[in-house]
């Protein structure tokens, strides 16, 4: 089973669709990922990311719904995620 996490594109770097990258905000954690599979992606949009690649564009409402579901699963498992999506102290 694979898990793709929603994140918001903060910035995009590069013009070549095959090597274009983006800085993605995953609820306070920012990572750089490849946009090779979603070359049309632009700053401010939301993507589903898996192992360093953006797999699909999604709308903001769907991203919020998915993040809420992931936080609920973490809480059910006793992991208690904080507002940024990471483990609580």
N, C-alpha and C. Protein backbone atom coordinates (compact mmCIF):
# COMPACT_ATOMS: atom_id res chain seq x y z
N UNK A 1 0.85 -1.17 0.00
CA UNK A 1 0.00 0.00 0.00
C UNK A 1 0.89 1.23 0.00
N UNK A 2 0.49 2.22 -0.76
CA UNK A 2 1.22 3.49 -0.83
C UNK A 2 0.38 4.58 -0.18
N UNK A 3 1.07 5.59 0.33
CA UNK A 3 0.40 6.71 0.96
C UNK A 3 0.91 8.00 0.34
N UNK A 4 0.01 8.78 -0.23
CA UNK A 4 0.35 10.09 -0.78
C UNK A 4 -0.20 11.15 0.19
N UNK A 5 0.62 12.15 0.46
CA UNK A 5 0.28 13.19 1.42
C UNK A 5 0.00 14.50 0.69
N UNK A 6 -1.10 15.19 1.04
CA UNK A 6 -1.38 16.47 0.40
C UNK A 6 -0.48 17.58 0.94
N UNK A 7 -0.09 18.48 0.04
CA UNK A 7 0.71 19.63 0.42
C UNK A 7 0.47 20.79 -0.54
N UNK A 8 0.80 22.01 -0.07
CA UNK A 8 0.60 23.22 -0.88
C UNK A 8 1.93 23.64 -1.48
N UNK A 9 1.93 23.95 -2.77
CA UNK A 9 3.13 24.39 -3.47
C UNK A 9 3.47 25.81 -3.03
N UNK A 10 4.68 25.98 -2.49
CA UNK A 10 5.15 27.29 -2.04
C UNK A 10 5.87 28.00 -3.19
N UNK A 11 6.75 27.27 -3.88
CA UNK A 11 7.49 27.85 -5.00
C UNK A 11 7.87 26.75 -5.98
N UNK A 12 8.17 27.17 -7.21
CA UNK A 12 8.53 26.25 -8.28
C UNK A 12 9.87 26.68 -8.85
N UNK A 13 10.71 25.71 -9.21
CA UNK A 13 12.02 26.00 -9.77
C UNK A 13 12.21 25.19 -11.05
N UNK A 14 12.64 25.86 -12.12
CA UNK A 14 12.96 25.18 -13.38
C UNK A 14 11.88 25.33 -14.43
N UNK A 15 12.32 25.21 -15.68
CA UNK A 15 11.40 25.32 -16.82
C UNK A 15 11.16 24.00 -17.53
N UNK A 16 12.16 23.12 -17.48
CA UNK A 16 12.05 21.82 -18.14
C UNK A 16 11.08 20.94 -17.35
N UNK A 17 9.98 20.49 -17.97
CA UNK A 17 8.98 19.70 -17.25
C UNK A 17 9.51 18.44 -16.58
N UNK A 18 10.59 17.87 -17.11
CA UNK A 18 11.11 16.62 -16.54
C UNK A 18 11.98 16.83 -15.31
N UNK A 19 12.53 18.02 -15.13
CA UNK A 19 13.39 18.26 -13.97
C UNK A 19 12.87 19.39 -13.08
N UNK A 20 11.67 19.85 -13.32
CA UNK A 20 11.06 20.92 -12.53
C UNK A 20 10.79 20.42 -11.11
N UNK A 21 11.10 21.26 -10.13
CA UNK A 21 10.87 20.90 -8.73
C UNK A 21 10.04 21.98 -8.04
N UNK A 22 9.54 21.64 -6.86
CA UNK A 22 8.76 22.60 -6.08
C UNK A 22 9.05 22.41 -4.60
N UNK A 23 8.95 23.50 -3.87
CA UNK A 23 8.97 23.44 -2.41
C UNK A 23 7.51 23.29 -1.98
N UNK A 24 7.24 22.23 -1.23
CA UNK A 24 5.88 21.89 -0.83
C UNK A 24 5.75 22.01 0.68
N UNK A 25 4.70 22.69 1.13
CA UNK A 25 4.42 22.84 2.57
C UNK A 25 3.43 21.76 2.98
N UNK A 26 3.91 20.87 3.86
CA UNK A 26 3.08 19.79 4.40
C UNK A 26 2.71 20.15 5.83
N UNK A 27 1.89 21.18 6.01
CA UNK A 27 1.46 21.57 7.34
C UNK A 27 2.58 22.07 8.22
N UNK A 28 3.49 22.82 7.66
CA UNK A 28 4.60 23.38 8.43
C UNK A 28 5.95 22.75 8.12
N UNK A 29 5.95 21.58 7.54
CA UNK A 29 7.19 20.93 7.10
C UNK A 29 7.31 21.16 5.60
N UNK A 30 8.41 21.79 5.17
CA UNK A 30 8.59 22.11 3.75
C UNK A 30 9.66 21.19 3.17
N UNK A 31 9.31 20.54 2.07
CA UNK A 31 10.22 19.62 1.38
C UNK A 31 10.26 19.96 -0.10
N UNK A 32 11.37 19.65 -0.75
CA UNK A 32 11.47 19.82 -2.20
C UNK A 32 11.14 18.51 -2.87
N UNK A 33 10.24 18.56 -3.87
CA UNK A 33 9.84 17.36 -4.59
C UNK A 33 9.82 17.62 -6.09
N UNK A 34 9.79 16.56 -6.86
CA UNK A 34 9.76 16.64 -8.31
C UNK A 34 8.33 16.88 -8.81
N UNK A 35 8.23 17.70 -9.85
CA UNK A 35 6.94 17.94 -10.50
C UNK A 35 6.87 17.24 -11.87
N UNK A 36 7.71 16.25 -12.10
CA UNK A 36 7.76 15.56 -13.39
C UNK A 36 6.41 14.98 -13.80
N UNK A 37 5.62 14.52 -12.83
CA UNK A 37 4.32 13.91 -13.14
C UNK A 37 3.18 14.94 -13.17
N UNK A 38 3.44 16.14 -12.68
CA UNK A 38 2.43 17.21 -12.69
C UNK A 38 3.08 18.51 -13.17
N UNK A 39 3.54 18.55 -14.42
CA UNK A 39 4.27 19.73 -14.90
C UNK A 39 3.44 21.00 -14.94
N UNK A 40 2.14 20.88 -14.90
CA UNK A 40 1.25 22.05 -14.94
C UNK A 40 1.07 22.72 -13.58
N UNK A 41 1.59 22.11 -12.53
CA UNK A 41 1.41 22.61 -11.16
C UNK A 41 2.04 23.99 -10.97
N UNK A 42 1.36 24.83 -10.20
CA UNK A 42 1.79 26.21 -9.95
C UNK A 42 1.75 26.52 -8.45
N UNK A 43 2.52 27.54 -8.01
CA UNK A 43 2.47 27.94 -6.60
C UNK A 43 1.04 28.25 -6.15
N UNK A 44 0.74 27.82 -4.93
CA UNK A 44 -0.59 28.02 -4.36
C UNK A 44 -1.52 26.84 -4.57
N UNK A 45 -1.20 25.97 -5.52
CA UNK A 45 -2.02 24.78 -5.75
C UNK A 45 -1.61 23.68 -4.78
N UNK A 46 -2.48 22.67 -4.66
CA UNK A 46 -2.23 21.52 -3.79
C UNK A 46 -1.95 20.29 -4.64
N UNK A 47 -1.03 19.47 -4.14
CA UNK A 47 -0.68 18.23 -4.82
C UNK A 47 -0.69 17.08 -3.82
N UNK A 48 -0.78 15.87 -4.36
CA UNK A 48 -0.55 14.67 -3.56
C UNK A 48 0.87 14.24 -3.84
N UNK A 49 1.68 14.08 -2.81
CA UNK A 49 3.09 13.73 -2.97
C UNK A 49 3.36 12.35 -2.38
N UNK A 50 4.22 11.61 -3.08
CA UNK A 50 4.63 10.28 -2.64
C UNK A 50 6.09 10.08 -3.02
N UNK A 51 6.92 9.72 -2.08
CA UNK A 51 8.36 9.47 -2.23
C UNK A 51 9.08 10.49 -3.11
N UNK A 52 8.83 11.76 -2.85
CA UNK A 52 9.56 12.82 -3.54
C UNK A 52 8.99 13.25 -4.87
N UNK A 53 7.81 12.75 -5.24
CA UNK A 53 7.17 13.12 -6.50
C UNK A 53 5.75 13.61 -6.25
N UNK A 54 5.35 14.63 -6.99
CA UNK A 54 3.96 15.07 -6.99
C UNK A 54 3.20 14.14 -7.94
N UNK A 55 2.19 13.47 -7.41
CA UNK A 55 1.46 12.47 -8.22
C UNK A 55 0.21 13.02 -8.89
N UNK A 56 -0.44 14.04 -8.26
CA UNK A 56 -1.68 14.59 -8.81
C UNK A 56 -1.98 15.94 -8.19
N UNK A 57 -2.65 16.78 -8.94
CA UNK A 57 -3.16 18.04 -8.41
C UNK A 57 -4.50 17.75 -7.73
N UNK A 58 -4.74 18.41 -6.59
CA UNK A 58 -6.04 18.30 -5.92
C UNK A 58 -6.47 19.70 -5.48
N UNK A 59 -7.77 19.86 -5.21
CA UNK A 59 -8.22 21.18 -4.77
C UNK A 59 -8.03 21.33 -3.26
N UNK A 60 -8.10 22.57 -2.79
CA UNK A 60 -7.83 22.87 -1.38
C UNK A 60 -8.78 22.16 -0.43
N UNK A 61 -10.05 22.06 -0.81
CA UNK A 61 -11.03 21.37 0.05
C UNK A 61 -10.69 19.90 0.21
N UNK A 62 -10.30 19.25 -0.87
CA UNK A 62 -9.93 17.83 -0.82
C UNK A 62 -8.67 17.64 0.03
N UNK A 63 -7.70 18.56 -0.11
CA UNK A 63 -6.49 18.49 0.70
C UNK A 63 -6.82 18.60 2.18
N UNK A 64 -7.68 19.55 2.55
CA UNK A 64 -8.07 19.73 3.95
C UNK A 64 -8.78 18.49 4.48
N UNK A 65 -9.64 17.90 3.66
CA UNK A 65 -10.36 16.69 4.06
C UNK A 65 -9.40 15.53 4.31
N UNK A 66 -8.42 15.38 3.42
CA UNK A 66 -7.45 14.29 3.57
C UNK A 66 -6.58 14.49 4.81
N UNK A 67 -6.13 15.74 5.05
CA UNK A 67 -5.32 16.02 6.23
C UNK A 67 -6.09 15.75 7.52
N UNK A 68 -7.38 16.11 7.54
CA UNK A 68 -8.22 15.85 8.71
C UNK A 68 -8.34 14.34 8.95
N UNK A 69 -8.50 13.59 7.88
CA UNK A 69 -8.59 12.13 8.00
C UNK A 69 -7.28 11.55 8.56
N UNK A 70 -6.14 12.03 8.04
CA UNK A 70 -4.85 11.54 8.53
C UNK A 70 -4.65 11.89 10.00
N UNK A 71 -5.05 13.10 10.41
CA UNK A 71 -4.93 13.49 11.82
C UNK A 71 -5.83 12.61 12.69
N UNK A 72 -7.04 12.30 12.19
CA UNK A 72 -7.94 11.43 12.93
C UNK A 72 -7.37 10.04 13.10
N UNK A 73 -6.75 9.51 12.06
CA UNK A 73 -6.11 8.20 12.15
C UNK A 73 -4.97 8.21 13.15
N UNK A 74 -4.19 9.29 13.15
CA UNK A 74 -3.07 9.41 14.11
C UNK A 74 -3.61 9.46 15.53
N UNK A 75 -4.69 10.21 15.75
CA UNK A 75 -5.28 10.31 17.08
C UNK A 75 -5.83 8.94 17.52
N UNK A 76 -6.49 8.24 16.61
CA UNK A 76 -7.03 6.91 16.93
C UNK A 76 -5.93 5.93 17.29
N UNK A 77 -4.75 6.12 16.70
CA UNK A 77 -3.62 5.23 16.97
C UNK A 77 -2.83 5.68 18.20
N UNK A 78 -3.27 6.77 18.82
CA UNK A 78 -2.59 7.27 20.00
C UNK A 78 -1.36 8.09 19.69
N UNK A 79 -1.24 8.56 18.45
CA UNK A 79 -0.06 9.32 18.07
C UNK A 79 -0.23 10.82 18.29
N UNK A 80 -1.47 11.29 18.46
CA UNK A 80 -1.79 12.68 18.78
C UNK A 80 -0.96 13.68 17.99
N UNK A 81 -1.33 13.95 16.76
CA UNK A 81 -0.62 14.93 15.93
C UNK A 81 -0.99 16.33 16.36
N UNK A 82 0.00 17.25 16.32
CA UNK A 82 -0.28 18.64 16.63
C UNK A 82 -0.84 19.34 15.38
N UNK A 83 -1.06 20.65 15.46
CA UNK A 83 -1.67 21.39 14.35
C UNK A 83 -0.83 21.37 13.10
N UNK A 84 0.48 21.22 13.22
CA UNK A 84 1.37 21.20 12.04
C UNK A 84 1.43 19.83 11.41
N UNK A 85 0.77 18.85 12.00
CA UNK A 85 0.76 17.52 11.41
C UNK A 85 1.81 16.58 11.96
N UNK A 86 2.66 17.07 12.86
CA UNK A 86 3.71 16.23 13.43
C UNK A 86 3.30 15.70 14.78
N UNK A 87 4.12 14.85 15.36
CA UNK A 87 3.80 14.30 16.68
C UNK A 87 3.79 15.39 17.76
N UNK A 88 2.89 15.24 18.68
CA UNK A 88 2.81 16.19 19.80
C UNK A 88 3.96 15.95 20.76
N UNK A 89 4.38 16.98 21.45
CA UNK A 89 5.47 16.87 22.43
C UNK A 89 4.96 16.24 23.70
